Amino acid sequence: MAGRLQAQIICFLLLSCFQFLPESCHSPTKIENSDTYITNYLRSGDIILRKSYGLVSNIIAAKLNDTIDVSHCGIIYIDANHTVYVIHSLSKAVSEKDGMQSCTLKKFMADSRIETVQVVRFKKDSAQIIGKWAHYYLLKQIPFDNNYDLKDSSSFFCTELPIHIINKQFGINLSSGNEFPKFSIFLNTKYFDKVFFIKKANLNH
């Protein structure tokens, strides 16, 4: 019950800020640093973690008190034309569209703090199943989960999407009963490998 109440408080605080501070693929471009990342090693189903700009991201990171400075995640999807997209779930309070949506990797990165971005790959996903299911849910137009309920798969918040797919397709529950899972669960080396993506030498700290 305490966990549920805490999640509801977090939702209230975030949504209060969201209506004034949009944070989505359609946000104004913050950086154009395509030289700081490479797509050579990416494949569909990889999970991309990031912190964006502004107060909203700071609130999310502060409330989670995670070991990594991250406030959002999405799933990489590469189409038949080799265009790299990010499929993710956003609330209509921060986006022009509610729930499942996609944008190009370039747009996603344009609103990402480059020093916070990480990409990981689920070790058992050799057939790129995660990417296929993310695309399936995108086409189904699954709404955003404003209740933050991991038990209800009729809607998804951002971390819930990969957690649900991995649980359903591989029988592994990453959340371990945590109602509001932290992003660092995707850095568990038992299940995930890091994917080389950021050219750290080019970063300006």
N, C-alpha and C. Protein backbone atom coordinates (compact mmCIF):
# COMPACT_ATOMS: atom_id res chain seq x y z
N MET A 1 0.83 -1.21 0.00
CA MET A 1 0.00 0.00 0.00
C MET A 1 0.87 1.25 0.00
N ALA A 2 1.94 1.23 0.80
CA ALA A 2 2.82 2.39 0.86
C ALA A 2 3.47 2.64 -0.49
N GLY A 3 3.85 1.54 -1.16
CA GLY A 3 4.46 1.67 -2.48
C GLY A 3 3.50 2.27 -3.48
N ARG A 4 2.23 1.84 -3.41
CA ARG A 4 1.21 2.37 -4.31
C ARG A 4 0.99 3.85 -4.05
N LEU A 5 0.92 4.23 -2.78
CA LEU A 5 0.72 5.63 -2.42
C LEU A 5 1.88 6.48 -2.91
N GLN A 6 3.08 5.95 -2.74
CA GLN A 6 4.27 6.67 -3.19
C GLN A 6 4.23 6.88 -4.70
N ALA A 7 3.82 5.85 -5.43
CA ALA A 7 3.72 5.96 -6.88
C ALA A 7 2.69 7.00 -7.28
N GLN A 8 1.57 7.06 -6.56
CA GLN A 8 0.53 8.03 -6.87
C GLN A 8 1.02 9.44 -6.59
N ILE A 9 1.78 9.61 -5.52
CA ILE A 9 2.34 10.93 -5.21
C ILE A 9 3.31 11.36 -6.31
N ILE A 10 4.13 10.43 -6.74
CA ILE A 10 5.08 10.72 -7.81
C ILE A 10 4.33 11.12 -9.08
N CYS A 11 3.27 10.37 -9.39
CA CYS A 11 2.46 10.67 -10.59
C CYS A 11 1.91 12.08 -10.51
N PHE A 12 1.38 12.43 -9.33
CA PHE A 12 0.79 13.76 -9.16
C PHE A 12 1.83 14.85 -9.37
N LEU A 13 2.99 14.67 -8.78
CA LEU A 13 4.05 15.67 -8.90
C LEU A 13 4.52 15.81 -10.33
N LEU A 14 4.69 14.67 -10.98
CA LEU A 14 5.18 14.70 -12.35
C LEU A 14 4.17 15.32 -13.29
N LEU A 15 2.90 14.92 -13.16
CA LEU A 15 1.88 15.44 -14.05
C LEU A 15 1.66 16.93 -13.82
N SER A 16 1.87 17.38 -12.59
CA SER A 16 1.74 18.81 -12.31
C SER A 16 2.78 19.61 -13.08
N CYS A 17 3.95 19.02 -13.22
CA CYS A 17 5.02 19.70 -13.97
C CYS A 17 4.88 19.47 -15.47
N PHE A 18 4.40 18.28 -15.85
CA PHE A 18 4.33 17.90 -17.25
C PHE A 18 3.53 18.90 -18.08
N GLN A 19 2.45 19.43 -17.53
CA GLN A 19 1.59 20.27 -18.33
C GLN A 19 2.29 21.58 -18.71
N PHE A 20 3.37 21.90 -18.03
CA PHE A 20 4.11 23.12 -18.36
C PHE A 20 5.44 22.84 -19.04
N LEU A 21 5.91 21.60 -18.92
CA LEU A 21 7.26 21.29 -19.40
C LEU A 21 7.24 20.06 -20.30
N PRO A 22 6.87 20.24 -21.56
CA PRO A 22 6.82 19.09 -22.47
C PRO A 22 8.18 18.45 -22.63
N GLU A 23 8.17 17.12 -22.70
CA GLU A 23 9.42 16.37 -22.81
C GLU A 23 9.16 15.16 -23.68
N SER A 24 9.37 15.29 -24.98
CA SER A 24 9.04 14.21 -25.89
C SER A 24 9.92 14.29 -27.11
N CYS A 25 9.65 13.43 -28.09
CA CYS A 25 10.39 13.47 -29.34
C CYS A 25 10.11 14.75 -30.11
N HIS A 26 9.03 15.42 -29.77
CA HIS A 26 8.63 16.62 -30.49
C HIS A 26 9.08 17.89 -29.79
N SER A 27 9.88 17.75 -28.74
CA SER A 27 10.39 18.92 -28.04
C SER A 27 11.35 19.69 -28.93
N PRO A 28 11.56 20.98 -28.67
CA PRO A 28 12.54 21.73 -29.42
C PRO A 28 13.91 21.07 -29.34
N THR A 29 14.65 21.09 -30.41
CA THR A 29 15.95 20.45 -30.44
C THR A 29 16.90 21.09 -29.44
N LYS A 30 17.53 20.27 -28.63
CA LYS A 30 18.47 20.75 -27.62
C LYS A 30 19.91 20.67 -28.12
N ILE A 31 20.22 19.58 -28.81
CA ILE A 31 21.58 19.40 -29.32
C ILE A 31 21.53 18.78 -30.71
N GLU A 32 22.53 18.98 -31.48
CA GLU A 32 22.68 18.29 -32.76
C GLU A 32 24.07 17.66 -32.74
N ASN A 33 24.20 16.61 -31.95
CA ASN A 33 25.50 16.01 -31.70
C ASN A 33 25.60 14.61 -32.27
N SER A 34 25.18 14.42 -33.52
CA SER A 34 25.21 13.08 -34.09
C SER A 34 26.63 12.53 -34.16
N ASP A 35 27.62 13.41 -34.10
CA ASP A 35 29.01 12.96 -34.13
C ASP A 35 29.42 12.28 -32.83
N THR A 36 28.62 12.42 -31.78
CA THR A 36 28.98 11.85 -30.49
C THR A 36 28.42 10.46 -30.28
N TYR A 37 27.65 9.94 -31.22
CA TYR A 37 27.15 8.58 -31.09
C TYR A 37 27.17 7.88 -32.45
N ILE A 38 27.23 6.56 -32.40
CA ILE A 38 27.26 5.77 -33.63
C ILE A 38 26.17 4.71 -33.58
N THR A 39 25.69 4.33 -34.74
CA THR A 39 24.58 3.38 -34.82
C THR A 39 25.02 2.00 -35.33
N ASN A 40 26.32 1.85 -35.59
CA ASN A 40 26.83 0.62 -36.21
C ASN A 40 26.45 -0.65 -35.46
N TYR A 41 26.41 -0.57 -34.13
CA TYR A 41 26.22 -1.77 -33.32
C TYR A 41 24.79 -1.96 -32.83
N LEU A 42 23.92 -1.02 -33.17
CA LEU A 42 22.54 -1.11 -32.71
C LEU A 42 21.77 -2.18 -33.47
N ARG A 43 20.79 -2.77 -32.79
CA ARG A 43 19.85 -3.65 -33.48
C ARG A 43 18.48 -3.54 -32.80
N SER A 44 17.46 -3.94 -33.51
CA SER A 44 16.12 -3.86 -32.98
C SER A 44 16.01 -4.63 -31.66
N GLY A 45 15.36 -4.00 -30.70
CA GLY A 45 15.19 -4.63 -29.40
C GLY A 45 16.14 -4.10 -28.35
N ASP A 46 17.17 -3.38 -28.75
CA ASP A 46 18.05 -2.75 -27.76
C ASP A 46 17.26 -1.72 -26.97
N ILE A 47 17.63 -1.53 -25.72
CA ILE A 47 16.93 -0.59 -24.85
C ILE A 47 17.83 0.63 -24.64
N ILE A 48 17.28 1.80 -24.92
CA ILE A 48 18.05 3.03 -24.78
C ILE A 48 17.55 3.81 -23.57
N LEU A 49 18.48 4.21 -22.73
CA LEU A 49 18.19 4.93 -21.49
C LEU A 49 18.73 6.34 -21.62
N ARG A 50 17.98 7.31 -21.07
CA ARG A 50 18.46 8.69 -21.15
C ARG A 50 17.81 9.57 -20.10
N LYS A 51 18.47 10.70 -19.85
CA LYS A 51 17.86 11.78 -19.10
C LYS A 51 17.72 12.95 -20.05
N SER A 52 16.59 13.61 -19.99
CA SER A 52 16.34 14.73 -20.87
C SER A 52 16.67 16.04 -20.16
N TYR A 53 16.26 17.14 -20.78
CA TYR A 53 16.50 18.47 -20.22
C TYR A 53 15.31 18.93 -19.39
N GLY A 54 15.54 19.83 -18.47
CA GLY A 54 14.46 20.47 -17.75
C GLY A 54 14.13 19.86 -16.41
N LEU A 55 13.19 20.50 -15.74
CA LEU A 55 12.81 20.15 -14.38
C LEU A 55 12.15 18.78 -14.28
N VAL A 56 11.38 18.42 -15.29
CA VAL A 56 10.66 17.14 -15.24
C VAL A 56 11.63 15.98 -15.08
N SER A 57 12.66 15.96 -15.90
CA SER A 57 13.64 14.88 -15.81
C SER A 57 14.35 14.88 -14.46
N ASN A 58 14.64 16.06 -13.95
CA ASN A 58 15.29 16.16 -12.65
C ASN A 58 14.40 15.61 -11.54
N ILE A 59 13.09 15.87 -11.63
CA ILE A 59 12.16 15.38 -10.62
C ILE A 59 12.08 13.86 -10.66
N ILE A 60 11.98 13.31 -11.87
CA ILE A 60 11.89 11.85 -12.02
C ILE A 60 13.14 11.20 -11.42
N ALA A 61 14.31 11.70 -11.81
CA ALA A 61 15.57 11.13 -11.32
C ALA A 61 15.68 11.25 -9.80
N ALA A 62 15.25 12.39 -9.28
CA ALA A 62 15.34 12.62 -7.83
C ALA A 62 14.40 11.68 -7.07
N LYS A 63 13.19 11.52 -7.57
CA LYS A 63 12.21 10.68 -6.89
C LYS A 63 12.62 9.21 -6.92
N LEU A 64 13.20 8.77 -8.02
CA LEU A 64 13.63 7.38 -8.11
C LEU A 64 14.87 7.11 -7.27
N ASN A 65 15.71 8.15 -7.13
CA ASN A 65 16.95 8.01 -6.35
C ASN A 65 17.73 6.78 -6.82
N ASP A 66 17.89 6.67 -8.12
CA ASP A 66 18.52 5.50 -8.73
C ASP A 66 20.05 5.65 -8.70
N THR A 67 20.72 4.59 -9.06
CA THR A 67 22.18 4.62 -9.12
C THR A 67 22.68 5.21 -10.44
N ILE A 68 21.77 5.42 -11.40
CA ILE A 68 22.12 6.06 -12.66
C ILE A 68 21.21 7.26 -12.87
N ASP A 69 21.74 8.27 -13.54
CA ASP A 69 21.02 9.53 -13.75
C ASP A 69 20.20 9.44 -15.03
N VAL A 70 19.05 8.77 -14.93
CA VAL A 70 18.20 8.49 -16.09
C VAL A 70 16.75 8.77 -15.73
N SER A 71 15.97 9.24 -16.70
CA SER A 71 14.56 9.56 -16.45
C SER A 71 13.61 8.98 -17.49
N HIS A 72 14.14 8.30 -18.51
CA HIS A 72 13.26 7.77 -19.56
C HIS A 72 13.98 6.65 -20.30
N CYS A 73 13.19 5.79 -20.94
CA CYS A 73 13.78 4.73 -21.77
C CYS A 73 12.88 4.42 -22.95
N GLY A 74 13.45 3.82 -23.96
CA GLY A 74 12.71 3.39 -25.14
C GLY A 74 13.37 2.17 -25.72
N ILE A 75 12.75 1.65 -26.79
CA ILE A 75 13.26 0.44 -27.44
C ILE A 75 13.63 0.77 -28.89
N ILE A 76 14.84 0.39 -29.26
CA ILE A 76 15.31 0.62 -30.63
C ILE A 76 14.55 -0.27 -31.61
N TYR A 77 14.15 0.33 -32.74
CA TYR A 77 13.52 -0.44 -33.82
C TYR A 77 14.11 0.03 -35.14
N ILE A 78 14.65 -0.91 -35.91
CA ILE A 78 15.26 -0.59 -37.20
C ILE A 78 14.38 -1.17 -38.30
N ASP A 79 13.87 -0.29 -39.18
CA ASP A 79 12.93 -0.75 -40.20
C ASP A 79 13.64 -1.32 -41.41
N ALA A 80 12.86 -1.69 -42.43
CA ALA A 80 13.40 -2.35 -43.62
C ALA A 80 14.34 -1.43 -44.40
N ASN A 81 14.21 -0.13 -44.21
CA ASN A 81 15.08 0.83 -44.89
C ASN A 81 16.30 1.19 -44.04
N HIS A 82 16.47 0.47 -42.94
CA HIS A 82 17.61 0.66 -42.03
C HIS A 82 17.56 1.99 -41.28
N THR A 83 16.37 2.58 -41.21
CA THR A 83 16.20 3.79 -40.40
C THR A 83 16.01 3.38 -38.95
N VAL A 84 16.73 4.04 -38.06
CA VAL A 84 16.69 3.70 -36.64
C VAL A 84 15.65 4.57 -35.93
N TYR A 85 14.71 3.91 -35.27
CA TYR A 85 13.66 4.59 -34.51
C TYR A 85 13.76 4.22 -33.03
N VAL A 86 13.13 5.01 -32.21
CA VAL A 86 12.95 4.68 -30.80
C VAL A 86 11.45 4.58 -30.54
N ILE A 87 11.01 3.40 -30.07
CA ILE A 87 9.62 3.19 -29.70
C ILE A 87 9.52 3.32 -28.18
N HIS A 88 8.61 4.15 -27.73
CA HIS A 88 8.49 4.37 -26.28
C HIS A 88 7.08 4.82 -25.95
N SER A 89 6.80 4.95 -24.65
CA SER A 89 5.48 5.37 -24.20
C SER A 89 5.58 6.67 -23.42
N LEU A 90 4.72 7.62 -23.78
CA LEU A 90 4.70 8.93 -23.15
C LEU A 90 3.27 9.32 -22.80
N SER A 91 3.13 10.08 -21.74
CA SER A 91 1.82 10.60 -21.36
C SER A 91 1.41 11.73 -22.29
N LYS A 92 0.11 11.87 -22.54
CA LYS A 92 -0.39 12.98 -23.36
C LYS A 92 -0.12 14.32 -22.69
N ALA A 93 0.22 14.28 -21.41
CA ALA A 93 0.57 15.52 -20.71
C ALA A 93 1.91 16.07 -21.16
N VAL A 94 2.75 15.23 -21.77
CA VAL A 94 4.06 15.68 -22.21
C VAL A 94 4.28 15.49 -23.71
N SER A 95 3.26 15.00 -24.39
CA SER A 95 3.43 14.66 -25.79
C SER A 95 2.17 15.01 -26.58
N GLU A 96 2.34 15.19 -27.87
CA GLU A 96 1.19 15.45 -28.73
C GLU A 96 0.30 14.22 -28.85
N LYS A 97 0.89 13.06 -28.58
CA LYS A 97 0.14 11.80 -28.66
C LYS A 97 0.30 11.03 -27.37
N ASP A 98 -0.76 10.39 -26.91
CA ASP A 98 -0.71 9.62 -25.68
C ASP A 98 -0.24 8.19 -25.94
N GLY A 99 0.59 7.68 -25.05
CA GLY A 99 0.97 6.27 -25.09
C GLY A 99 2.04 5.93 -26.10
N MET A 100 1.90 4.76 -26.72
CA MET A 100 2.92 4.23 -27.62
C MET A 100 3.14 5.13 -28.83
N GLN A 101 4.39 5.41 -29.10
CA GLN A 101 4.75 6.26 -30.23
C GLN A 101 6.21 6.01 -30.60
N SER A 102 6.61 6.56 -31.72
CA SER A 102 8.00 6.39 -32.16
C SER A 102 8.52 7.69 -32.76
N CYS A 103 9.83 7.81 -32.73
CA CYS A 103 10.48 8.92 -33.41
C CYS A 103 11.84 8.42 -33.88
N THR A 104 12.47 9.16 -34.75
CA THR A 104 13.80 8.76 -35.20
C THR A 104 14.78 8.86 -34.05
N LEU A 105 15.82 8.07 -34.13
CA LEU A 105 16.86 8.12 -33.10
C LEU A 105 17.43 9.53 -33.00
N LYS A 106 17.58 10.20 -34.14
CA LYS A 106 18.14 11.55 -34.14
C LYS A 106 17.28 12.50 -33.30
N LYS A 107 15.95 12.41 -33.44
CA LYS A 107 15.06 13.27 -32.65
C LYS A 107 15.13 12.90 -31.18
N PHE A 108 15.19 11.61 -30.90
CA PHE A 108 15.28 11.16 -29.51
C PHE A 108 16.55 11.69 -28.86
N MET A 109 17.64 11.60 -29.58
CA MET A 109 18.92 12.05 -29.04
C MET A 109 18.99 13.57 -28.92
N ALA A 110 18.24 14.27 -29.76
CA ALA A 110 18.26 15.73 -29.73
C ALA A 110 17.72 16.28 -28.41
N ASP A 111 16.92 15.49 -27.71
CA ASP A 111 16.39 15.93 -26.42
C ASP A 111 16.97 15.11 -25.28
N SER A 112 18.14 14.55 -25.51
CA SER A 112 18.79 13.72 -24.50
C SER A 112 20.11 14.35 -24.04
N ARG A 113 20.35 14.29 -22.74
CA ARG A 113 21.66 14.69 -22.24
C ARG A 113 22.64 13.59 -22.63
N ILE A 114 23.53 13.91 -23.53
CA ILE A 114 24.38 12.90 -24.15
C ILE A 114 25.18 12.11 -23.12
N GLU A 115 25.56 12.76 -22.02
CA GLU A 115 26.39 12.08 -21.02
C GLU A 115 25.59 11.05 -20.21
N THR A 116 24.27 11.07 -20.32
CA THR A 116 23.44 10.12 -19.56
C THR A 116 22.98 8.93 -20.39
N VAL A 117 23.18 8.98 -21.68
CA VAL A 117 22.62 7.97 -22.58
C VAL A 117 23.40 6.66 -22.51
N GLN A 118 22.66 5.56 -22.39
CA GLN A 118 23.24 4.23 -22.42
C GLN A 118 22.33 3.32 -23.25
N VAL A 119 22.92 2.36 -23.91
CA VAL A 119 22.15 1.37 -24.66
C VAL A 119 22.53 -0.02 -24.16
N VAL A 120 21.53 -0.84 -23.90
CA VAL A 120 21.78 -2.20 -23.42
C VAL A 120 21.00 -3.19 -24.28
N ARG A 121 21.44 -4.44 -24.23
CA ARG A 121 20.80 -5.51 -25.02
C ARG A 121 20.51 -6.70 -24.11
N PHE A 122 19.27 -7.17 -24.15
CA PHE A 122 18.88 -8.34 -23.38
C PHE A 122 19.58 -9.57 -23.96
N LYS A 123 20.31 -10.31 -23.15
CA LYS A 123 21.17 -11.37 -23.63
C LYS A 123 20.42 -12.49 -24.36
N LYS A 124 19.18 -12.74 -23.96
CA LYS A 124 18.43 -13.84 -24.56
C LYS A 124 17.68 -13.46 -25.83
N ASP A 125 17.81 -12.20 -26.24
CA ASP A 125 17.02 -11.70 -27.37
C ASP A 125 17.77 -11.84 -28.69
N SER A 126 18.24 -13.03 -29.00
CA SER A 126 19.00 -13.25 -30.22
C SER A 126 18.15 -13.09 -31.48
N ALA A 127 16.86 -13.28 -31.36
CA ALA A 127 15.96 -13.16 -32.51
C ALA A 127 15.29 -11.79 -32.60
N GLN A 128 15.77 -10.84 -31.79
CA GLN A 128 15.26 -9.47 -31.78
C GLN A 128 13.75 -9.43 -31.53
N ILE A 129 13.32 -10.28 -30.61
CA ILE A 129 11.90 -10.39 -30.27
C ILE A 129 11.39 -9.11 -29.61
N ILE A 130 12.21 -8.49 -28.78
CA ILE A 130 11.77 -7.29 -28.06
C ILE A 130 11.37 -6.19 -29.04
N GLY A 131 12.18 -6.00 -30.07
CA GLY A 131 11.86 -4.98 -31.07
C GLY A 131 10.58 -5.28 -31.82
N LYS A 132 10.36 -6.55 -32.14
CA LYS A 132 9.14 -6.95 -32.86
C LYS A 132 7.89 -6.69 -32.02
N TRP A 133 7.98 -7.00 -30.72
CA TRP A 133 6.82 -6.79 -29.86
C TRP A 133 6.61 -5.31 -29.56
N ALA A 134 7.68 -4.55 -29.47
CA ALA A 134 7.53 -3.10 -29.29
C ALA A 134 6.79 -2.51 -30.48
N HIS A 135 7.15 -2.96 -31.67
CA HIS A 135 6.48 -2.48 -32.89
C HIS A 135 5.03 -2.92 -32.91
N TYR A 136 4.75 -4.13 -32.43
CA TYR A 136 3.38 -4.64 -32.35
C TYR A 136 2.53 -3.74 -31.45
N TYR A 137 3.06 -3.41 -30.27
CA TYR A 137 2.31 -2.56 -29.35
C TYR A 137 2.16 -1.13 -29.88
N LEU A 138 3.15 -0.70 -30.65
CA LEU A 138 3.05 0.61 -31.30
C LEU A 138 1.86 0.63 -32.26
N LEU A 139 1.74 -0.41 -33.07
CA LEU A 139 0.63 -0.50 -34.03
C LEU A 139 -0.72 -0.63 -33.32
N LYS A 140 -0.70 -1.25 -32.14
CA LYS A 140 -1.94 -1.41 -31.36
C LYS A 140 -2.33 -0.11 -30.65
N GLN A 141 -1.43 0.87 -30.67
CA GLN A 141 -1.68 2.18 -30.05
C GLN A 141 -2.05 2.06 -28.57
N ILE A 142 -1.24 1.28 -27.86
CA ILE A 142 -1.46 1.08 -26.42
C ILE A 142 -1.29 2.42 -25.70
N PRO A 143 -2.24 2.81 -24.84
CA PRO A 143 -2.15 4.11 -24.15
C PRO A 143 -1.11 4.11 -23.04
N PHE A 144 -0.85 5.30 -22.51
CA PHE A 144 0.09 5.46 -21.40
C PHE A 144 -0.57 5.01 -20.10
N ASP A 145 0.21 4.37 -19.25
CA ASP A 145 -0.29 3.86 -17.97
C ASP A 145 -0.14 4.93 -16.88
N ASN A 146 -1.19 5.73 -16.71
CA ASN A 146 -1.14 6.78 -15.69
C ASN A 146 -1.26 6.24 -14.28
N ASN A 147 -1.66 4.97 -14.15
CA ASN A 147 -1.77 4.35 -12.82
C ASN A 147 -0.48 3.66 -12.40
N TYR A 148 0.46 3.57 -13.32
CA TYR A 148 1.74 2.91 -13.05
C TYR A 148 1.51 1.52 -12.45
N ASP A 149 0.70 0.74 -13.14
CA ASP A 149 0.32 -0.59 -12.66
C ASP A 149 0.97 -1.65 -13.54
N LEU A 150 2.00 -2.30 -13.04
CA LEU A 150 2.73 -3.30 -13.81
C LEU A 150 1.90 -4.55 -14.09
N LYS A 151 0.82 -4.73 -13.34
CA LYS A 151 -0.01 -5.92 -13.52
C LYS A 151 -1.02 -5.76 -14.64
N ASP A 152 -1.20 -4.54 -15.11
CA ASP A 152 -2.18 -4.25 -16.16
C ASP A 152 -1.46 -3.96 -17.47
N SER A 153 -1.55 -4.88 -18.42
CA SER A 153 -0.84 -4.73 -19.69
C SER A 153 -1.68 -4.03 -20.75
N SER A 154 -2.79 -3.41 -20.35
CA SER A 154 -3.61 -2.67 -21.31
C SER A 154 -3.05 -1.28 -21.56
N SER A 155 -2.06 -0.88 -20.76
CA SER A 155 -1.39 0.40 -20.93
C SER A 155 0.03 0.26 -20.37
N PHE A 156 0.94 1.12 -20.83
CA PHE A 156 2.34 1.03 -20.42
C PHE A 156 2.92 2.40 -20.07
N PHE A 157 3.70 2.46 -18.98
CA PHE A 157 4.61 3.60 -18.81
C PHE A 157 5.95 3.16 -19.37
N CYS A 158 6.94 4.05 -19.42
CA CYS A 158 8.12 3.78 -20.25
C CYS A 158 8.88 2.51 -19.86
N THR A 159 9.20 2.33 -18.58
CA THR A 159 9.94 1.13 -18.19
C THR A 159 9.07 -0.12 -18.22
N GLU A 160 7.77 0.09 -18.11
CA GLU A 160 6.85 -1.05 -18.11
C GLU A 160 6.87 -1.79 -19.45
N LEU A 161 7.08 -1.06 -20.54
CA LEU A 161 7.07 -1.68 -21.87
C LEU A 161 8.12 -2.78 -22.00
N PRO A 162 9.42 -2.52 -21.83
CA PRO A 162 10.40 -3.61 -21.93
C PRO A 162 10.24 -4.65 -20.83
N ILE A 163 9.85 -4.23 -19.63
CA ILE A 163 9.64 -5.19 -18.54
C ILE A 163 8.55 -6.18 -18.91
N HIS A 164 7.45 -5.67 -19.47
CA HIS A 164 6.33 -6.54 -19.86
C HIS A 164 6.74 -7.50 -20.96
N ILE A 165 7.43 -7.00 -21.99
CA ILE A 165 7.82 -7.85 -23.11
C ILE A 165 8.76 -8.96 -22.64
N ILE A 166 9.74 -8.61 -21.83
CA ILE A 166 10.70 -9.60 -21.34
C ILE A 166 10.02 -10.64 -20.45
N ASN A 167 9.10 -10.20 -19.63
CA ASN A 167 8.37 -11.13 -18.76
C ASN A 167 7.50 -12.06 -19.58
N LYS A 168 6.79 -11.52 -20.55
CA LYS A 168 5.87 -12.31 -21.36
C LYS A 168 6.59 -13.28 -22.29
N GLN A 169 7.66 -12.82 -22.91
CA GLN A 169 8.34 -13.62 -23.94
C GLN A 169 9.46 -14.52 -23.39
N PHE A 170 10.05 -14.12 -22.27
CA PHE A 170 11.18 -14.89 -21.74
C PHE A 170 10.96 -15.41 -20.31
N GLY A 171 9.83 -15.04 -19.72
CA GLY A 171 9.50 -15.54 -18.38
C GLY A 171 10.38 -14.99 -17.28
N ILE A 172 10.95 -13.80 -17.49
CA ILE A 172 11.83 -13.18 -16.49
C ILE A 172 11.19 -11.88 -16.00
N ASN A 173 10.93 -11.80 -14.71
CA ASN A 173 10.32 -10.60 -14.12
C ASN A 173 11.41 -9.69 -13.56
N LEU A 174 11.74 -8.67 -14.31
CA LEU A 174 12.81 -7.76 -13.90
C LEU A 174 12.42 -6.86 -12.75
N SER A 175 11.12 -6.63 -12.59
CA SER A 175 10.68 -5.67 -11.58
C SER A 175 10.80 -6.19 -10.16
N SER A 176 10.80 -7.51 -10.00
CA SER A 176 10.91 -8.14 -8.68
C SER A 176 9.90 -7.60 -7.68
N GLY A 177 8.71 -7.32 -8.15
CA GLY A 177 7.64 -6.85 -7.28
C GLY A 177 7.66 -5.37 -6.99
N ASN A 178 8.65 -4.65 -7.51
CA ASN A 178 8.73 -3.20 -7.30
C ASN A 178 7.69 -2.51 -8.17
N GLU A 179 6.80 -1.75 -7.54
CA GLU A 179 5.72 -1.10 -8.29
C GLU A 179 6.22 0.02 -9.18
N PHE A 180 7.34 0.62 -8.83
CA PHE A 180 7.91 1.70 -9.62
C PHE A 180 9.38 1.39 -9.86
N PRO A 181 9.67 0.47 -10.79
CA PRO A 181 11.04 -0.03 -10.98
C PRO A 181 12.02 1.06 -11.41
N LYS A 182 13.26 0.91 -10.99
CA LYS A 182 14.30 1.85 -11.35
C LYS A 182 14.92 1.46 -12.68
N PHE A 183 15.51 2.44 -13.34
CA PHE A 183 16.12 2.21 -14.65
C PHE A 183 17.36 1.32 -14.55
N SER A 184 17.99 1.28 -13.39
CA SER A 184 19.20 0.50 -13.22
C SER A 184 18.97 -1.01 -13.35
N ILE A 185 17.70 -1.44 -13.34
CA ILE A 185 17.45 -2.87 -13.55
C ILE A 185 17.94 -3.32 -14.92
N PHE A 186 18.04 -2.38 -15.85
CA PHE A 186 18.49 -2.72 -17.19
C PHE A 186 20.02 -2.79 -17.30
N LEU A 187 20.68 -2.57 -16.19
CA LEU A 187 22.14 -2.69 -16.16
C LEU A 187 22.59 -3.96 -15.44
N ASN A 188 21.63 -4.80 -15.11
CA ASN A 188 21.95 -6.07 -14.46
C ASN A 188 22.70 -6.96 -15.45
N THR A 189 23.97 -7.20 -15.18
CA THR A 189 24.81 -7.95 -16.12
C THR A 189 24.41 -9.41 -16.27
N LYS A 190 23.54 -9.88 -15.40
CA LYS A 190 23.02 -11.24 -15.55
C LYS A 190 22.13 -11.34 -16.78
N TYR A 191 21.48 -10.25 -17.11
CA TYR A 191 20.51 -10.26 -18.21
C TYR A 191 20.87 -9.35 -19.38
N PHE A 192 21.72 -8.35 -19.15
CA PHE A 192 21.97 -7.35 -20.18
C PHE A 192 23.45 -7.14 -20.46
N ASP A 193 23.74 -6.85 -21.72
CA ASP A 193 25.06 -6.42 -22.14
C ASP A 193 24.97 -4.97 -22.59
N LYS A 194 26.02 -4.19 -22.34
CA LYS A 194 26.06 -2.83 -22.84
C LYS A 194 26.43 -2.84 -24.33
N VAL A 195 25.83 -1.93 -25.06
CA VAL A 195 26.09 -1.80 -26.49
C VAL A 195 26.90 -0.52 -26.71
N PHE A 196 27.98 -0.63 -27.45
CA PHE A 196 28.81 0.56 -27.71
C PHE A 196 28.01 1.54 -28.56
N PHE A 197 27.82 2.75 -28.04
CA PHE A 197 26.96 3.73 -28.71
C PHE A 197 27.52 5.15 -28.61
N ILE A 198 28.03 5.52 -27.45
CA ILE A 198 28.50 6.89 -27.23
C ILE A 198 30.02 6.99 -27.45
N LYS A 199 30.42 7.97 -28.24
CA LYS A 199 31.84 8.26 -28.41
C LYS A 199 32.25 9.22 -27.31
N LYS A 200 32.65 8.66 -26.18
CA LYS A 200 32.93 9.48 -25.00
C LYS A 200 34.03 10.51 -25.22
N ALA A 201 34.95 10.21 -26.09
CA ALA A 201 36.06 11.13 -26.32
C ALA A 201 35.60 12.45 -26.89
N ASN A 202 34.42 12.46 -27.51
CA ASN A 202 33.92 13.68 -28.15
C ASN A 202 32.98 14.48 -27.26
N LEU A 203 32.73 14.00 -26.04
CA LEU A 203 31.80 14.67 -25.17
C LEU A 203 32.42 15.91 -24.55
N ASN A 204 31.59 16.91 -24.40
CA ASN A 204 32.03 18.13 -23.73
C ASN A 204 31.42 18.16 -22.34
N HIS A 205 32.19 17.95 -21.32
CA HIS A 205 31.68 17.89 -19.94
C HIS A 205 31.67 19.29 -19.36
